[in-house]
Structures are given as structure tokens and as C-alpha cells.
Amino acid sequence: MMPRARNTNNRLKIYMMQRAEKLKELYTECEESFQKAEATVGNPVSPFDLPDFDDIMPKMDDSEKECDFNLV
């Protein structure tokens, strides 16, 4: 049985892919919102401007659950 640390690279890759996908979605939503509201005050232009950005983004723990297996 291999140690869990050997899966760290896979977990990191999954985590980064999840974050990239979520950022794509958020940028699309922000862009649409920006175009509709024509840059009114308080209208986020970037996902990083969202007040709950950290809550929305995938967590490293989530990717660990997906990749929590041992290679033989």
C-alpha cells in the first residue's frame, strides 16, 4: 500500500482544474452582469470582487476526497 502523500500531485491537479472551471463560470457570469448593468457601482467586474468569492471557490479538501485512493 502506497502512502497517501504519493497522491498529492493528483489531488493538486484536480484542485487546480476545479478552480479553473469555477473561475471560467464566474467570469462569464460577471461579464454578463457587467454588460447588463453597464458598470453600475457595486456590480462586480471580476470574480475576485465578489464578497463570497472564497466560499464559492472549490476547496482543497473537496479534491482530496475525489482522489483519496491508494495505487497498487
PDB file of N, CA and C in Angstrom:
ATOM      1  N   MET A   1       0.841  -1.174   0.000  1.00  0.00           N
ATOM      2  CA  MET A   1       0.000   0.000   0.000  1.00  0.00           C
ATOM      3  C   MET A   1       0.888   1.240   0.000  1.00  0.00           C
ATOM      4  N   MET A   2       0.627   2.173  -0.921  1.00  0.00           N
ATOM      5  CA  MET A   2       1.431   3.385  -1.021  1.00  0.00           C
ATOM      6  C   MET A   2       0.922   4.430  -0.036  1.00  0.00           C
ATOM      7  N   PRO A   3       1.815   5.251   0.466  1.00  0.00           N
ATOM      8  CA  PRO A   3       1.395   6.308   1.380  1.00  0.00           C
ATOM      9  C   PRO A   3       0.511   7.332   0.677  1.00  0.00           C
ATOM     10  N   ARG A   4      -0.343   7.963   1.441  1.00  0.00           N
ATOM     11  CA  ARG A   4      -1.274   8.941   0.895  1.00  0.00           C
ATOM     12  C   ARG A   4      -0.544  10.111   0.235  1.00  0.00           C
ATOM     13  N   ALA A   5       0.622  10.438   0.707  1.00  0.00           N
ATOM     14  CA  ALA A   5       1.394  11.555   0.166  1.00  0.00           C
ATOM     15  C   ALA A   5       1.707  11.371  -1.316  1.00  0.00           C
ATOM     16  N   ARG A   6       1.727  10.157  -1.798  1.00  0.00           N
ATOM     17  CA  ARG A   6       2.023   9.893  -3.202  1.00  0.00           C
ATOM     18  C   ARG A   6       0.921  10.421  -4.113  1.00  0.00           C
ATOM     19  N   ASN A   7      -0.286  10.621  -3.578  1.00  0.00           N
ATOM     20  CA  ASN A   7      -1.400  11.125  -4.366  1.00  0.00           C
ATOM     21  C   ASN A   7      -1.492  12.645  -4.336  1.00  0.00           C
ATOM     22  N   THR A   8      -0.558  13.305  -3.677  1.00  0.00           N
ATOM     23  CA  THR A   8      -0.605  14.757  -3.538  1.00  0.00           C
ATOM     24  C   THR A   8      -0.621  15.453  -4.889  1.00  0.00           C
ATOM     25  N   ASN A   9       0.184  14.994  -5.812  1.00  0.00           N
ATOM     26  CA  ASN A   9       0.238  15.612  -7.133  1.00  0.00           C
ATOM     27  C   ASN A   9      -1.105  15.497  -7.841  1.00  0.00           C
ATOM     28  N   ASN A  10      -1.760  14.352  -7.763  1.00  0.00           N
ATOM     29  CA  ASN A  10      -3.067  14.165  -8.382  1.00  0.00           C
ATOM     30  C   ASN A  10      -4.107  15.061  -7.734  1.00  0.00           C
ATOM     31  N   ARG A  11      -4.074  15.151  -6.402  1.00  0.00           N
ATOM     32  CA  ARG A  11      -5.036  15.999  -5.695  1.00  0.00           C
ATOM     33  C   ARG A  11      -4.854  17.455  -6.093  1.00  0.00           C
ATOM     34  N   LEU A  12      -3.613  17.873  -6.210  1.00  0.00           N
ATOM     35  CA  LEU A  12      -3.337  19.257  -6.588  1.00  0.00           C
ATOM     36  C   LEU A  12      -3.832  19.550  -7.999  1.00  0.00           C
ATOM     37  N   LYS A  13      -3.629  18.617  -8.910  1.00  0.00           N
ATOM     38  CA  LYS A  13      -4.100  18.793 -10.283  1.00  0.00           C
ATOM     39  C   LYS A  13      -5.627  18.903 -10.329  1.00  0.00           C
ATOM     40  N   ILE A  14      -6.307  18.040  -9.605  1.00  0.00           N
ATOM     41  CA  ILE A  14      -7.766  18.079  -9.560  1.00  0.00           C
ATOM     42  C   ILE A  14      -8.242  19.404  -8.970  1.00  0.00           C
ATOM     43  N   TYR A  15      -7.609  19.811  -7.889  1.00  0.00           N
ATOM     44  CA  TYR A  15      -7.958  21.069  -7.226  1.00  0.00           C
ATOM     45  C   TYR A  15      -7.797  22.256  -8.180  1.00  0.00           C
ATOM     46  N   MET A  16      -6.697  22.326  -8.876  1.00  0.00           N
ATOM     47  CA  MET A  16      -6.448  23.430  -9.795  1.00  0.00           C
ATOM     48  C   MET A  16      -7.422  23.411 -10.970  1.00  0.00           C
ATOM     49  N   MET A  17      -7.753  22.232 -11.471  1.00  0.00           N
ATOM     50  CA  MET A  17      -8.725  22.132 -12.559  1.00  0.00           C
ATOM     51  C   MET A  17     -10.108  22.580 -12.095  1.00  0.00           C
ATOM     52  N   GLN A  18     -10.497  22.193 -10.887  1.00  0.00           N
ATOM     53  CA  GLN A  18     -11.786  22.612 -10.351  1.00  0.00           C
ATOM     54  C   GLN A  18     -11.846  24.128 -10.206  1.00  0.00           C
ATOM     55  N   ARG A  19     -10.776  24.719  -9.708  1.00  0.00           N
ATOM     56  CA  ARG A  19     -10.747  26.177  -9.532  1.00  0.00           C
ATOM     57  C   ARG A  19     -10.788  26.892 -10.886  1.00  0.00           C
ATOM     58  N   ALA A  20     -10.072  26.380 -11.863  1.00  0.00           N
ATOM     59  CA  ALA A  20     -10.076  26.991 -13.190  1.00  0.00           C
ATOM     60  C   ALA A  20     -11.469  26.947 -13.808  1.00  0.00           C
ATOM     61  N   GLU A  21     -12.146  25.808 -13.692  1.00  0.00           N
ATOM     62  CA  GLU A  21     -13.505  25.681 -14.229  1.00  0.00           C
ATOM     63  C   GLU A  21     -14.468  26.641 -13.539  1.00  0.00           C
ATOM     64  N   LYS A  22     -14.352  26.743 -12.229  1.00  0.00           N
ATOM     65  CA  LYS A  22     -15.237  27.638 -11.480  1.00  0.00           C
ATOM     66  C   LYS A  22     -14.960  29.087 -11.855  1.00  0.00           C
ATOM     67  N   LEU A  23     -13.692  29.450 -12.025  1.00  0.00           N
ATOM     68  CA  LEU A  23     -13.359  30.812 -12.425  1.00  0.00           C
ATOM     69  C   LEU A  23     -13.916  31.140 -13.809  1.00  0.00           C
ATOM     70  N   LYS A  24     -13.874  30.181 -14.728  1.00  0.00           N
ATOM     71  CA  LYS A  24     -14.464  30.403 -16.056  1.00  0.00           C
ATOM     72  C   LYS A  24     -15.946  30.731 -15.924  1.00  0.00           C
ATOM     73  N   GLU A  25     -16.650  29.944 -15.117  1.00  0.00           N
ATOM     74  CA  GLU A  25     -18.079  30.180 -14.900  1.00  0.00           C
ATOM     75  C   GLU A  25     -18.319  31.565 -14.299  1.00  0.00           C
ATOM     76  N   LEU A  26     -17.551  31.901 -13.287  1.00  0.00           N
ATOM     77  CA  LEU A  26     -17.741  33.179 -12.608  1.00  0.00           C
ATOM     78  C   LEU A  26     -17.409  34.360 -13.517  1.00  0.00           C
ATOM     79  N   TYR A  27     -16.366  34.239 -14.322  1.00  0.00           N
ATOM     80  CA  TYR A  27     -16.035  35.328 -15.248  1.00  0.00           C
ATOM     81  C   TYR A  27     -17.158  35.525 -16.256  1.00  0.00           C
ATOM     82  N   THR A  28     -17.752  34.436 -16.737  1.00  0.00           N
ATOM     83  CA  THR A  28     -18.866  34.541 -17.670  1.00  0.00           C
ATOM     84  C   THR A  28     -20.040  35.257 -17.010  1.00  0.00           C
ATOM     85  N   GLU A  29     -20.372  34.866 -15.783  1.00  0.00           N
ATOM     86  CA  GLU A  29     -21.470  35.495 -15.063  1.00  0.00           C
ATOM     87  C   GLU A  29     -21.189  36.975 -14.800  1.00  0.00           C
ATOM     88  N   CYS A  30     -19.973  37.292 -14.383  1.00  0.00           N
ATOM     89  CA  CYS A  30     -19.618  38.684 -14.097  1.00  0.00           C
ATOM     90  C   CYS A  30     -19.645  39.532 -15.368  1.00  0.00           C
ATOM     91  N   GLU A  31     -19.174  38.964 -16.461  1.00  0.00           N
ATOM     92  CA  GLU A  31     -19.163  39.699 -17.728  1.00  0.00           C
ATOM     93  C   GLU A  31     -20.590  39.999 -18.179  1.00  0.00           C
ATOM     94  N   GLU A  32     -21.473  39.002 -18.078  1.00  0.00           N
ATOM     95  CA  GLU A  32     -22.865  39.208 -18.459  1.00  0.00           C
ATOM     96  C   GLU A  32     -23.518  40.252 -17.563  1.00  0.00           C
ATOM     97  N   SER A  33     -23.256  40.165 -16.281  1.00  0.00           N
ATOM     98  CA  SER A  33     -23.805  41.114 -15.322  1.00  0.00           C
ATOM     99  C   SER A  33     -23.275  42.518 -15.601  1.00  0.00           C
ATOM    100  N   PHE A  34     -21.996  42.631 -15.917  1.00  0.00           N
ATOM    101  CA  PHE A  34     -21.372  43.915 -16.204  1.00  0.00           C
ATOM    102  C   PHE A  34     -21.988  44.547 -17.449  1.00  0.00           C
ATOM    103  N   GLN A  35     -22.192  43.754 -18.484  1.00  0.00           N
ATOM    104  CA  GLN A  35     -22.754  44.272 -19.729  1.00  0.00           C
ATOM    105  C   GLN A  35     -24.193  44.747 -19.528  1.00  0.00           C
ATOM    106  N   LYS A  36     -24.958  44.019 -18.727  1.00  0.00           N
ATOM    107  CA  LYS A  36     -26.358  44.391 -18.491  1.00  0.00           C
ATOM    108  C   LYS A  36     -26.464  45.655 -17.648  1.00  0.00           C
ATOM    109  N   ALA A  37     -25.637  45.768 -16.648  1.00  0.00           N
ATOM    110  CA  ALA A  37     -25.730  46.889 -15.707  1.00  0.00           C
ATOM    111  C   ALA A  37     -24.861  48.076 -16.110  1.00  0.00           C
ATOM    112  N   GLU A  38     -24.084  47.929 -17.148  1.00  0.00           N
ATOM    113  CA  GLU A  38     -23.198  48.977 -17.641  1.00  0.00           C
ATOM    114  C   GLU A  38     -22.351  49.595 -16.525  1.00  0.00           C
ATOM    115  N   ALA A  39     -21.726  48.740 -15.776  1.00  0.00           N
ATOM    116  CA  ALA A  39     -20.738  49.125 -14.756  1.00  0.00           C
ATOM    117  C   ALA A  39     -21.316  50.017 -13.658  1.00  0.00           C
ATOM    118  N   THR A  40     -22.480  49.676 -13.152  1.00  0.00           N
ATOM    119  CA  THR A  40     -23.024  50.426 -12.026  1.00  0.00           C
ATOM    120  C   THR A  40     -22.212  50.122 -10.774  1.00  0.00           C
ATOM    121  N   VAL A  41     -22.238  51.025  -9.843  1.00  0.00           N
ATOM    122  CA  VAL A  41     -21.484  50.861  -8.607  1.00  0.00           C
ATOM    123  C   VAL A  41     -21.971  49.618  -7.868  1.00  0.00           C
ATOM    124  N   GLY A  42     -21.038  48.830  -7.380  1.00  0.00           N
ATOM    125  CA  GLY A  42     -21.376  47.618  -6.645  1.00  0.00           C
ATOM    126  C   GLY A  42     -21.569  46.401  -7.524  1.00  0.00           C
ATOM    127  N   ASN A  43     -21.458  46.562  -8.822  1.00  0.00           N
ATOM    128  CA  ASN A  43     -21.602  45.440  -9.742  1.00  0.00           C
ATOM    129  C   ASN A  43     -20.219  44.847  -9.984  1.00  0.00           C
ATOM    130  N   PRO A  44     -19.958  43.616  -9.515  1.00  0.00           N
ATOM    131  CA  PRO A  44     -18.609  43.055  -9.654  1.00  0.00           C
ATOM    132  C   PRO A  44     -18.213  42.855 -11.117  1.00  0.00           C
ATOM    133  N   VAL A  45     -16.996  43.244 -11.431  1.00  0.00           N
ATOM    134  CA  VAL A  45     -16.457  43.095 -12.774  1.00  0.00           C
ATOM    135  C   VAL A  45     -15.614  41.827 -12.848  1.00  0.00           C
ATOM    136  N   SER A  46     -15.076  41.424 -11.724  1.00  0.00           N
ATOM    137  CA  SER A  46     -14.213  40.257 -11.638  1.00  0.00           C
ATOM    138  C   SER A  46     -14.729  39.332 -10.540  1.00  0.00           C
ATOM    139  N   PRO A  47     -14.585  38.023 -10.717  1.00  0.00           N
ATOM    140  CA  PRO A  47     -14.981  37.113  -9.639  1.00  0.00           C
ATOM    141  C   PRO A  47     -14.265  37.416  -8.334  1.00  0.00           C
ATOM    142  N   PHE A  48     -13.057  37.942  -8.428  1.00  0.00           N
ATOM    143  CA  PHE A  48     -12.289  38.251  -7.224  1.00  0.00           C
ATOM    144  C   PHE A  48     -12.910  39.397  -6.423  1.00  0.00           C
ATOM    145  N   ASP A  49     -13.820  40.149  -7.058  1.00  0.00           N
ATOM    146  CA  ASP A  49     -14.526  41.237  -6.386  1.00  0.00           C
ATOM    147  C   ASP A  49     -15.755  40.758  -5.626  1.00  0.00           C
ATOM    148  N   LEU A  50     -16.169  39.528  -5.857  1.00  0.00           N
ATOM    149  CA  LEU A  50     -17.363  39.007  -5.189  1.00  0.00           C
ATOM    150  C   LEU A  50     -17.118  38.897  -3.683  1.00  0.00           C
ATOM    151  N   PRO A  51     -18.091  39.329  -2.877  1.00  0.00           N
ATOM    152  CA  PRO A  51     -17.887  39.282  -1.431  1.00  0.00           C
ATOM    153  C   PRO A  51     -17.740  37.867  -0.876  1.00  0.00           C
ATOM    154  N   ASP A  52     -18.327  36.881  -1.547  1.00  0.00           N
ATOM    155  CA  ASP A  52     -18.266  35.500  -1.076  1.00  0.00           C
ATOM    156  C   ASP A  52     -17.371  34.620  -1.953  1.00  0.00           C
ATOM    157  N   PHE A  53     -16.383  35.248  -2.585  1.00  0.00           N
ATOM    158  CA  PHE A  53     -15.500  34.539  -3.512  1.00  0.00           C
ATOM    159  C   PHE A  53     -14.894  33.282  -2.887  1.00  0.00           C
ATOM    160  N   ASP A  54     -14.345  33.411  -1.690  1.00  0.00           N
ATOM    161  CA  ASP A  54     -13.692  32.264  -1.048  1.00  0.00           C
ATOM    162  C   ASP A  54     -14.673  31.137  -0.751  1.00  0.00           C
ATOM    163  N   ASP A  55     -15.916  31.478  -0.459  1.00  0.00           N
ATOM    164  CA  ASP A  55     -16.928  30.453  -0.189  1.00  0.00           C
ATOM    165  C   ASP A  55     -17.371  29.744  -1.468  1.00  0.00           C
ATOM    166  N   ILE A  56     -17.352  30.462  -2.577  1.00  0.00           N
ATOM    167  CA  ILE A  56     -17.798  29.912  -3.861  1.00  0.00           C
ATOM    168  C   ILE A  56     -16.773  28.954  -4.461  1.00  0.00           C
ATOM    169  N   MET A  57     -15.503  29.281  -4.302  1.00  0.00           N
ATOM    170  CA  MET A  57     -14.443  28.503  -4.948  1.00  0.00           C
ATOM    171  C   MET A  57     -14.297  27.116  -4.322  1.00  0.00           C
ATOM    172  N   PRO A  58     -13.935  26.117  -5.137  1.00  0.00           N
ATOM    173  CA  PRO A  58     -13.692  24.765  -4.611  1.00  0.00           C
ATOM    174  C   PRO A  58     -12.587  24.784  -3.555  1.00  0.00           C
ATOM    175  N   LYS A  59     -12.698  23.877  -2.634  1.00  0.00           N
ATOM    176  CA  LYS A  59     -11.715  23.761  -1.552  1.00  0.00           C
ATOM    177  C   LYS A  59     -10.778  22.588  -1.836  1.00  0.00           C
ATOM    178  N   MET A  60      -9.575  22.674  -1.310  1.00  0.00           N
ATOM    179  CA  MET A  60      -8.599  21.596  -1.475  1.00  0.00           C
ATOM    180  C   MET A  60      -9.145  20.302  -0.868  1.00  0.00           C
ATOM    181  N   ASP A  61      -9.878  20.396   0.224  1.00  0.00           N
ATOM    182  CA  ASP A  61     -10.457  19.205   0.858  1.00  0.00           C
ATOM    183  C   ASP A  61     -11.372  18.456  -0.092  1.00  0.00           C
ATOM    184  N   ASP A  62     -12.113  19.183  -0.946  1.00  0.00           N
ATOM    185  CA  ASP A  62     -13.015  18.543  -1.898  1.00  0.00           C
ATOM    186  C   ASP A  62     -12.233  17.698  -2.899  1.00  0.00           C
ATOM    187  N   SER A  63     -11.104  18.206  -3.377  1.00  0.00           N
ATOM    188  CA  SER A  63     -10.307  17.448  -4.341  1.00  0.00           C
ATOM    189  C   SER A  63      -9.634  16.256  -3.673  1.00  0.00           C
ATOM    190  N   GLU A  64      -9.325  16.381  -2.381  1.00  0.00           N
ATOM    191  CA  GLU A  64      -8.725  15.263  -1.671  1.00  0.00           C
ATOM    192  C   GLU A  64      -9.705  14.104  -1.580  1.00  0.00           C
ATOM    193  N   LYS A  65     -10.976  14.407  -1.380  1.00  0.00           N
ATOM    194  CA  LYS A  65     -11.996  13.363  -1.294  1.00  0.00           C
ATOM    195  C   LYS A  65     -12.124  12.629  -2.614  1.00  0.00           C
ATOM    196  N   GLU A  66     -12.017  13.364  -3.729  1.00  0.00           N
ATOM    197  CA  GLU A  66     -12.124  12.748  -5.054  1.00  0.00           C
ATOM    198  C   GLU A  66     -10.932  11.868  -5.370  1.00  0.00           C
ATOM    199  N   CYS A  67      -9.804  12.182  -4.799  1.00  0.00           N
ATOM    200  CA  CYS A  67      -8.562  11.493  -5.160  1.00  0.00           C
ATOM    201  C   CYS A  67      -8.023  10.692  -3.988  1.00  0.00           C
ATOM    202  N   ASP A  68      -8.849  10.348  -3.045  1.00  0.00           N
ATOM    203  CA  ASP A  68      -8.401   9.631  -1.854  1.00  0.00           C
ATOM    204  C   ASP A  68      -8.434   8.119  -2.124  1.00  0.00           C
ATOM    205  N   PHE A  69      -7.406   7.666  -2.794  1.00  0.00           N
ATOM    206  CA  PHE A  69      -7.280   6.247  -3.107  1.00  0.00           C
ATOM    207  C   PHE A  69      -5.808   5.870  -3.055  1.00  0.00           C
ATOM    208  N   ASN A  70      -5.550   4.629  -2.977  1.00  0.00           N
ATOM    209  CA  ASN A  70      -4.176   4.133  -2.948  1.00  0.00           C
ATOM    210  C   ASN A  70      -3.887   3.390  -4.246  1.00  0.00           C
ATOM    211  N   LEU A  71      -2.754   3.681  -4.837  1.00  0.00           N
ATOM    212  CA  LEU A  71      -2.335   2.968  -6.040  1.00  0.00           C
ATOM    213  C   LEU A  71      -1.570   1.728  -5.646  1.00  0.00           C
ATOM    214  N   VAL A  72      -1.754   0.667  -6.361  1.00  0.00           N
ATOM    215  CA  VAL A  72      -1.074  -0.591  -6.040  1.00  0.00           C
ATOM    216  C   VAL A  72       0.015  -0.827  -7.060  1.00  0.00           C
TER     217      VAL A  72
END
